[in-house]
Amino acid sequence: MTFDVITIFPEFFRGPFDFGIIRRGREKGLIETRVRDLREFTSDRHRTVDDRPFGGGEGMVFKPEPIFEAVEAVRVSDRAEVIVLSAAGRKFSQADALRFSSAPQVILICGRYEGIDERVAEHLATAEISIGDFILSGGEIAAAVVIDAVTRYVPGVVGKEESILRDSFSDPAEPHQRVEHPHYTRPASFRGWKVPDVLISGDHDAIRKWRDEAAIVKTKKNRPDLLTR
């Protein structure tokens, strides 16, 4: 599959795409990442991508013309997902990552300043996504997050694909989501803190039960909102 990122800071992606699972997917030829400078799709000599908001207010807003031009230039499939990264979008989830992974092309539009002209979200995008209830200076970091999460679902990228099924939030259809159980490794005792005995007992049924119960405990501690949905 192909990821196309539209941004005014294309240099940002020289780092995130050269490491970890995204690099692995690229080297295996399973994904392709392309970054386009939004300013390439402007028509004035100043390469203007933003303007003042109608109705007044602080900040600047991305103009619709260059974004429409950019998406229409890079889109190669009617089945492409066109995603606006915005603090006003719905919260990105594992279910979204799974859905996006079935598309042949994912186009990500990185917002900046006060936002993007609403006509982009209404008439061009297939989704408007936020990665959390906080404000970033731009959508570039969010785009890297989305691409990483989606890439994990591309067949062949992860060495042991069954491990994906055991991740936190791995079953979007499961109504009672929870975080993953705690993990431990050697040494069995570190500064007096010992690994739970059950994990070194060799009793796989007991280990499975402990992990289920420990996952619920950790969910109650860190993400109680998941248990009240």
C-alpha atoms as a PDB file:
ATOM      1  CA  MET A   1       0.000   0.000   0.000  1.00  0.00           C
ATOM      2  CA  THR A   2       1.015   3.609  -0.468  1.00  0.00           C
ATOM      3  CA  PHE A   3       1.088   6.420   2.079  1.00  0.00           C
ATOM      4  CA  ASP A   4       1.096   9.959   0.685  1.00  0.00           C
ATOM      5  CA  VAL A   5       1.741  12.770   3.157  1.00  0.00           C
ATOM      6  CA  ILE A   6       0.896  16.366   2.287  1.00  0.00           C
ATOM      7  CA  THR A   7       2.740  18.871   4.464  1.00  0.00           C
ATOM      8  CA  ILE A   8       4.533  22.206   4.455  1.00  0.00           C
ATOM      9  CA  PHE A   9       7.459  20.560   6.279  1.00  0.00           C
ATOM     10  CA  PRO A  10       8.454  17.559   4.144  1.00  0.00           C
ATOM     11  CA  GLU A  11      11.899  17.402   5.790  1.00  0.00           C
ATOM     12  CA  PHE A  12      10.246  16.272   9.029  1.00  0.00           C
ATOM     13  CA  PHE A  13       9.656  12.785   7.661  1.00  0.00           C
ATOM     14  CA  ARG A  14      13.293  12.004   6.895  1.00  0.00           C
ATOM     15  CA  GLY A  15      13.524  10.635  10.438  1.00  0.00           C
ATOM     16  CA  PRO A  16      10.295   8.742  11.244  1.00  0.00           C
ATOM     17  CA  PHE A  17      10.224   6.811   7.967  1.00  0.00           C
ATOM     18  CA  ASP A  18      13.815   5.564   8.304  1.00  0.00           C
ATOM     19  CA  PHE A  19      13.370   3.553  11.487  1.00  0.00           C
ATOM     20  CA  GLY A  20      11.400   0.686  12.964  1.00  0.00           C
ATOM     21  CA  ILE A  21       8.403  -0.938  11.413  1.00  0.00           C
ATOM     22  CA  ILE A  22       7.897   1.679   8.686  1.00  0.00           C
ATOM     23  CA  ARG A  23      11.439   1.153   7.436  1.00  0.00           C
ATOM     24  CA  ARG A  24      10.905  -2.618   7.566  1.00  0.00           C
ATOM     25  CA  GLY A  25       7.745  -2.352   5.493  1.00  0.00           C
ATOM     26  CA  ARG A  26       9.516  -0.151   2.946  1.00  0.00           C
ATOM     27  CA  GLU A  27      12.531  -2.463   2.674  1.00  0.00           C
ATOM     28  CA  LYS A  28      10.247  -5.460   2.118  1.00  0.00           C
ATOM     29  CA  GLY A  29       8.417  -3.585  -0.629  1.00  0.00           C
ATOM     30  CA  LEU A  30       5.120  -3.920   1.258  1.00  0.00           C
ATOM     31  CA  ILE A  31       4.514  -0.199   1.720  1.00  0.00           C
ATOM     32  CA  GLU A  32       5.624   2.949  -0.041  1.00  0.00           C
ATOM     33  CA  THR A  33       5.872   6.367   1.628  1.00  0.00           C
ATOM     34  CA  ARG A  34       5.788   9.563  -0.386  1.00  0.00           C
ATOM     35  CA  VAL A  35       5.929  13.101   0.986  1.00  0.00           C
ATOM     36  CA  ARG A  36       4.691  16.107  -0.978  1.00  0.00           C
ATOM     37  CA  ASP A  37       5.275  19.757  -0.180  1.00  0.00           C
ATOM     38  CA  LEU A  38       1.924  21.552  -0.146  1.00  0.00           C
ATOM     39  CA  ARG A  39       3.590  24.680  -1.498  1.00  0.00           C
ATOM     40  CA  GLU A  40       4.217  22.859  -4.785  1.00  0.00           C
ATOM     41  CA  PHE A  41       0.493  23.115  -5.463  1.00  0.00           C
ATOM     42  CA  THR A  42       0.127  26.879  -5.059  1.00  0.00           C
ATOM     43  CA  SER A  43      -0.334  29.222  -8.005  1.00  0.00           C
ATOM     44  CA  ASP A  44       1.054  32.545  -6.730  1.00  0.00           C
ATOM     45  CA  ARG A  45       4.695  33.604  -6.673  1.00  0.00           C
ATOM     46  CA  HIS A  46       4.742  33.669  -2.858  1.00  0.00           C
ATOM     47  CA  ARG A  47       3.545  30.035  -2.703  1.00  0.00           C
ATOM     48  CA  THR A  48       0.804  31.008  -0.261  1.00  0.00           C
ATOM     49  CA  VAL A  49      -0.954  28.156   1.547  1.00  0.00           C
ATOM     50  CA  ASP A  50      -2.885  30.105   4.206  1.00  0.00           C
ATOM     51  CA  ASP A  51      -5.030  33.177   4.723  1.00  0.00           C
ATOM     52  CA  ARG A  52      -6.953  35.021   7.455  1.00  0.00           C
ATOM     53  CA  PRO A  53     -10.177  33.378   8.703  1.00  0.00           C
ATOM     54  CA  PHE A  54     -13.527  34.752   7.621  1.00  0.00           C
ATOM     55  CA  GLY A  55     -15.374  36.227  10.585  1.00  0.00           C
ATOM     56  CA  GLY A  56     -12.181  37.401  12.237  1.00  0.00           C
ATOM     57  CA  GLY A  57     -10.064  35.799  14.895  1.00  0.00           C
ATOM     58  CA  GLU A  58      -6.438  35.047  15.531  1.00  0.00           C
ATOM     59  CA  GLY A  59      -4.180  32.853  13.449  1.00  0.00           C
ATOM     60  CA  MET A  60      -4.225  31.714   9.860  1.00  0.00           C
ATOM     61  CA  VAL A  61      -6.157  28.969   8.070  1.00  0.00           C
ATOM     62  CA  PHE A  62      -4.974  26.638   5.319  1.00  0.00           C
ATOM     63  CA  LYS A  63      -6.603  27.532   2.000  1.00  0.00           C
ATOM     64  CA  PRO A  64      -8.646  24.833   0.216  1.00  0.00           C
ATOM     65  CA  GLU A  65      -7.201  25.286  -3.297  1.00  0.00           C
ATOM     66  CA  PRO A  66      -3.680  23.884  -2.803  1.00  0.00           C
ATOM     67  CA  ILE A  67      -4.958  20.986  -0.669  1.00  0.00           C
ATOM     68  CA  PHE A  68      -7.519  19.932  -3.282  1.00  0.00           C
ATOM     69  CA  GLU A  69      -4.861  20.256  -5.978  1.00  0.00           C
ATOM     70  CA  ALA A  70      -2.387  18.162  -3.982  1.00  0.00           C
ATOM     71  CA  VAL A  71      -4.822  15.355  -3.184  1.00  0.00           C
ATOM     72  CA  GLU A  72      -6.133  15.192  -6.739  1.00  0.00           C
ATOM     73  CA  ALA A  73      -2.545  15.032  -8.027  1.00  0.00           C
ATOM     74  CA  VAL A  74      -1.419  12.145  -5.793  1.00  0.00           C
ATOM     75  CA  ARG A  75      -4.632  10.115  -5.566  1.00  0.00           C
ATOM     76  CA  VAL A  76      -4.383   7.000  -7.724  1.00  0.00           C
ATOM     77  CA  SER A  77      -7.389   5.034  -6.473  1.00  0.00           C
ATOM     78  CA  ASP A  78     -11.051   5.744  -5.857  1.00  0.00           C
ATOM     79  CA  ARG A  79     -10.648   3.595  -2.745  1.00  0.00           C
ATOM     80  CA  ALA A  80      -8.006   5.862  -1.256  1.00  0.00           C
ATOM     81  CA  GLU A  81      -8.504   7.062   2.307  1.00  0.00           C
ATOM     82  CA  VAL A  82      -8.004  10.829   2.566  1.00  0.00           C
ATOM     83  CA  ILE A  83      -7.320  11.740   6.177  1.00  0.00           C
ATOM     84  CA  VAL A  84      -7.199  15.200   7.708  1.00  0.00           C
ATOM     85  CA  LEU A  85      -5.085  15.309  10.887  1.00  0.00           C
ATOM     86  CA  SER A  86      -6.865  17.768  13.148  1.00  0.00           C
ATOM     87  CA  ALA A  87      -7.472  18.367  16.848  1.00  0.00           C
ATOM     88  CA  ALA A  88     -11.152  18.697  15.910  1.00  0.00           C
ATOM     89  CA  GLY A  89     -11.296  15.184  14.461  1.00  0.00           C
ATOM     90  CA  ARG A  90     -12.628  12.037  16.087  1.00  0.00           C
ATOM     91  CA  LYS A  91     -10.122  10.114  18.156  1.00  0.00           C
ATOM     92  CA  PHE A  92      -7.969   7.649  16.214  1.00  0.00           C
ATOM     93  CA  SER A  93      -8.408   4.031  17.290  1.00  0.00           C
ATOM     94  CA  GLN A  94      -7.115   0.551  16.561  1.00  0.00           C
ATOM     95  CA  ALA A  95     -10.298  -0.042  14.576  1.00  0.00           C
ATOM     96  CA  ASP A  96      -9.356   2.881  12.331  1.00  0.00           C
ATOM     97  CA  ALA A  97      -5.864   1.457  11.840  1.00  0.00           C
ATOM     98  CA  LEU A  98      -7.358  -1.868  10.765  1.00  0.00           C
ATOM     99  CA  ARG A  99      -9.818  -0.202   8.384  1.00  0.00           C
ATOM    100  CA  PHE A 100      -7.199   2.045   6.797  1.00  0.00           C
ATOM    101  CA  SER A 101      -4.882  -0.942   6.256  1.00  0.00           C
ATOM    102  CA  SER A 102      -7.332  -2.399   3.742  1.00  0.00           C
ATOM    103  CA  ALA A 103      -7.090   0.669   1.492  1.00  0.00           C
ATOM    104  CA  PRO A 104      -4.598   0.629  -1.400  1.00  0.00           C
ATOM    105  CA  GLN A 105      -3.634   4.224  -0.654  1.00  0.00           C
ATOM    106  CA  VAL A 106      -3.786   6.457   2.417  1.00  0.00           C
ATOM    107  CA  ILE A 107      -3.374  10.208   1.927  1.00  0.00           C
ATOM    108  CA  LEU A 108      -2.671  12.231   5.066  1.00  0.00           C
ATOM    109  CA  ILE A 109      -3.130  16.000   5.180  1.00  0.00           C
ATOM    110  CA  CYS A 110      -1.084  17.648   7.926  1.00  0.00           C
ATOM    111  CA  GLY A 111      -2.791  20.658   9.420  1.00  0.00           C
ATOM    112  CA  ARG A 112      -1.016  23.702  10.869  1.00  0.00           C
ATOM    113  CA  TYR A 113      -1.850  27.103  12.325  1.00  0.00           C
ATOM    114  CA  GLU A 114      -5.511  27.526  13.328  1.00  0.00           C
ATOM    115  CA  GLY A 115      -6.685  24.713  11.065  1.00  0.00           C
ATOM    116  CA  ILE A 116      -7.831  23.857   7.562  1.00  0.00           C
ATOM    117  CA  ASP A 117     -10.680  25.313   5.531  1.00  0.00           C
ATOM    118  CA  GLU A 118     -13.723  23.214   6.463  1.00  0.00           C
ATOM    119  CA  ARG A 119     -14.531  22.474   2.826  1.00  0.00           C
ATOM    120  CA  VAL A 120     -11.574  20.071   2.813  1.00  0.00           C
ATOM    121  CA  ALA A 121     -13.146  17.976   5.578  1.00  0.00           C
ATOM    122  CA  GLU A 122     -16.628  18.230   4.067  1.00  0.00           C
ATOM    123  CA  HIS A 123     -15.916  17.536   0.405  1.00  0.00           C
ATOM    124  CA  LEU A 124     -12.486  15.915   0.077  1.00  0.00           C
ATOM    125  CA  ALA A 125     -11.552  13.914   3.172  1.00  0.00           C
ATOM    126  CA  THR A 126     -12.909  10.483   4.036  1.00  0.00           C
ATOM    127  CA  ALA A 127     -11.952  10.938   7.701  1.00  0.00           C
ATOM    128  CA  GLU A 128     -10.910  13.690  10.109  1.00  0.00           C
ATOM    129  CA  ILE A 129      -8.674  12.215  12.806  1.00  0.00           C
ATOM    130  CA  SER A 130      -7.155  13.335  16.099  1.00  0.00           C
ATOM    131  CA  ILE A 131      -4.602  11.209  17.961  1.00  0.00           C
ATOM    132  CA  GLY A 132      -5.655  12.523  21.373  1.00  0.00           C
ATOM    133  CA  ASP A 133      -7.176  15.250  23.482  1.00  0.00           C
ATOM    134  CA  PHE A 134      -4.241  17.620  23.278  1.00  0.00           C
ATOM    135  CA  ILE A 135      -2.887  20.210  20.869  1.00  0.00           C
ATOM    136  CA  LEU A 136       0.140  19.671  18.645  1.00  0.00           C
ATOM    137  CA  SER A 137       1.886  22.369  16.618  1.00  0.00           C
ATOM    138  CA  GLY A 138       1.039  20.453  13.453  1.00  0.00           C
ATOM    139  CA  GLY A 139      -0.224  17.214  11.982  1.00  0.00           C
ATOM    140  CA  GLU A 140       3.175  15.802  11.033  1.00  0.00           C
ATOM    141  CA  ILE A 141       3.709  13.897  14.286  1.00  0.00           C
ATOM    142  CA  ALA A 142       0.127  12.637  14.136  1.00  0.00           C
ATOM    143  CA  ALA A 143       0.631  11.442  10.552  1.00  0.00           C
ATOM    144  CA  ALA A 144       3.695   9.434  11.608  1.00  0.00           C
ATOM    145  CA  VAL A 145       1.648   7.866  14.426  1.00  0.00           C
ATOM    146  CA  VAL A 146      -1.162   6.865  12.074  1.00  0.00           C
ATOM    147  CA  ILE A 147       1.222   5.411   9.477  1.00  0.00           C
ATOM    148  CA  ASP A 148       3.042   3.367  12.120  1.00  0.00           C
ATOM    149  CA  ALA A 149      -0.219   1.949  13.510  1.00  0.00           C
ATOM    150  CA  VAL A 150      -1.610   1.123  10.059  1.00  0.00           C
ATOM    151  CA  THR A 151       1.637  -0.411   8.796  1.00  0.00           C
ATOM    152  CA  ARG A 152       1.529  -3.042  11.559  1.00  0.00           C
ATOM    153  CA  TYR A 153      -1.621  -4.458   9.932  1.00  0.00           C
ATOM    154  CA  VAL A 154      -0.102  -4.766   6.458  1.00  0.00           C
ATOM    155  CA  PRO A 155       0.454  -8.516   5.915  1.00  0.00           C
ATOM    156  CA  GLY A 156       4.101  -9.503   6.055  1.00  0.00           C
ATOM    157  CA  VAL A 157       5.425  -6.424   7.857  1.00  0.00           C
ATOM    158  CA  VAL A 158       5.311  -7.855  11.383  1.00  0.00           C
ATOM    159  CA  GLY A 159       7.382 -11.035  11.713  1.00  0.00           C
ATOM    160  CA  LYS A 160       4.914 -12.865  13.969  1.00  0.00           C
ATOM    161  CA  GLU A 161       1.541 -11.645  12.801  1.00  0.00           C
ATOM    162  CA  GLU A 162      -0.300 -13.526  15.549  1.00  0.00           C
ATOM    163  CA  SER A 163       1.329 -11.164  18.060  1.00  0.00           C
ATOM    164  CA  ILE A 164      -0.825  -8.334  16.685  1.00  0.00           C
ATOM    165  CA  LEU A 165      -3.913 -10.177  17.892  1.00  0.00           C
ATOM    166  CA  ARG A 166      -2.656 -10.010  21.478  1.00  0.00           C
ATOM    167  CA  ASP A 167      -1.942  -6.281  21.496  1.00  0.00           C
ATOM    168  CA  SER A 168      -3.981  -3.832  23.520  1.00  0.00           C
ATOM    169  CA  PHE A 169      -7.154  -2.832  21.640  1.00  0.00           C
ATOM    170  CA  SER A 170      -6.399  -5.552  19.088  1.00  0.00           C
ATOM    171  CA  ASP A 171     -10.007  -6.682  18.649  1.00  0.00           C
ATOM    172  CA  PRO A 172     -12.072  -3.661  17.539  1.00  0.00           C
ATOM    173  CA  ALA A 173     -15.246  -5.747  17.783  1.00  0.00           C
ATOM    174  CA  GLU A 174     -14.653  -6.515  21.462  1.00  0.00           C
ATOM    175  CA  PRO A 175     -17.015  -4.297  23.519  1.00  0.00           C
ATOM    176  CA  HIS A 176     -14.877  -4.585  26.671  1.00  0.00           C
ATOM    177  CA  GLN A 177     -11.534  -3.229  25.554  1.00  0.00           C
ATOM    178  CA  ARG A 178      -8.605  -3.327  27.939  1.00  0.00           C
ATOM    179  CA  VAL A 179      -4.891  -2.670  27.957  1.00  0.00           C
ATOM    180  CA  GLU A 180      -2.432  -5.511  27.637  1.00  0.00           C
ATOM    181  CA  HIS A 181      -1.261  -7.481  30.669  1.00  0.00           C
ATOM    182  CA  PRO A 182       2.054  -6.569  32.383  1.00  0.00           C
ATOM    183  CA  HIS A 183       5.271  -8.042  31.003  1.00  0.00           C
ATOM    184  CA  TYR A 184       8.355  -9.269  32.857  1.00  0.00           C
ATOM    185  CA  THR A 185      11.754 -10.615  31.823  1.00  0.00           C
ATOM    186  CA  ARG A 186      15.044 -11.688  33.436  1.00  0.00           C
ATOM    187  CA  PRO A 187      16.267 -11.308  36.113  1.00  0.00           C
ATOM    188  CA  ALA A 188      13.506 -12.921  38.152  1.00  0.00           C
ATOM    189  CA  SER A 189      14.485 -10.731  41.103  1.00  0.00           C
ATOM    190  CA  PHE A 190      15.631  -7.137  40.657  1.00  0.00           C
ATOM    191  CA  ARG A 191      16.408  -4.925  43.670  1.00  0.00           C
ATOM    192  CA  GLY A 192      14.143  -7.116  45.730  1.00  0.00           C
ATOM    193  CA  TRP A 193      11.209  -6.881  43.327  1.00  0.00           C
ATOM    194  CA  LYS A 194      10.275 -10.370  42.181  1.00  0.00           C
ATOM    195  CA  VAL A 195       8.469 -11.590  39.097  1.00  0.00           C
ATOM    196  CA  PRO A 196       5.068 -13.129  39.991  1.00  0.00           C
ATOM    197  CA  ASP A 197       5.629 -16.791  40.792  1.00  0.00           C
ATOM    198  CA  VAL A 198       2.955 -17.954  38.376  1.00  0.00           C
ATOM    199  CA  LEU A 199       4.946 -16.666  35.393  1.00  0.00           C
ATOM    200  CA  ILE A 200       7.849 -19.004  36.143  1.00  0.00           C
ATOM    201  CA  SER A 201       5.666 -21.944  37.181  1.00  0.00           C
ATOM    202  CA  GLY A 202       5.366 -23.485  33.723  1.00  0.00           C
ATOM    203  CA  ASP A 203       1.589 -23.822  34.230  1.00  0.00           C
ATOM    204  CA  HIS A 204       0.248 -22.304  31.010  1.00  0.00           C
ATOM    205  CA  ASP A 205      -3.397 -22.363  32.070  1.00  0.00           C
ATOM    206  CA  ALA A 206      -2.539 -20.548  35.298  1.00  0.00           C
ATOM    207  CA  ILE A 207      -0.387 -18.046  33.378  1.00  0.00           C
ATOM    208  CA  ARG A 208      -3.220 -17.352  30.936  1.00  0.00           C
ATOM    209  CA  LYS A 209      -5.651 -16.760  33.820  1.00  0.00           C
ATOM    210  CA  TRP A 210      -3.171 -14.489  35.628  1.00  0.00           C
ATOM    211  CA  ARG A 211      -2.619 -12.427  32.502  1.00  0.00           C
ATOM    212  CA  ASP A 212      -6.360 -11.964  31.969  1.00  0.00           C
ATOM    213  CA  GLU A 213      -6.846 -10.820  35.545  1.00  0.00           C
ATOM    214  CA  ALA A 214      -3.727  -8.621  35.530  1.00  0.00           C
ATOM    215  CA  ALA A 215      -4.887  -6.922  32.338  1.00  0.00           C
ATOM    216  CA  ILE A 216      -8.147  -5.951  34.026  1.00  0.00           C
ATOM    217  CA  VAL A 217      -6.287  -4.622  37.082  1.00  0.00           C
ATOM    218  CA  LYS A 218      -3.976  -2.529  34.910  1.00  0.00           C
ATOM    219  CA  THR A 219      -6.911  -1.254  32.865  1.00  0.00           C
ATOM    220  CA  LYS A 220      -8.684  -0.148  36.051  1.00  0.00           C
ATOM    221  CA  LYS A 221      -5.524   1.673  37.110  1.00  0.00           C
ATOM    222  CA  ASN A 222      -4.538   3.405  33.874  1.00  0.00           C
ATOM    223  CA  ARG A 223      -7.623   3.415  31.636  1.00  0.00           C
ATOM    224  CA  PRO A 224     -10.770   3.034  33.752  1.00  0.00           C
ATOM    225  CA  ASP A 225     -12.707   4.770  30.997  1.00  0.00           C
ATOM    226  CA  LEU A 226     -12.422   1.605  28.906  1.00  0.00           C
ATOM    227  CA  LEU A 227     -14.302  -0.398  31.501  1.00  0.00           C
ATOM    228  CA  THR A 228     -17.187   2.067  31.709  1.00  0.00           C
ATOM    229  CA  ARG A 229     -17.932   2.229  27.994  1.00  0.00           C
END
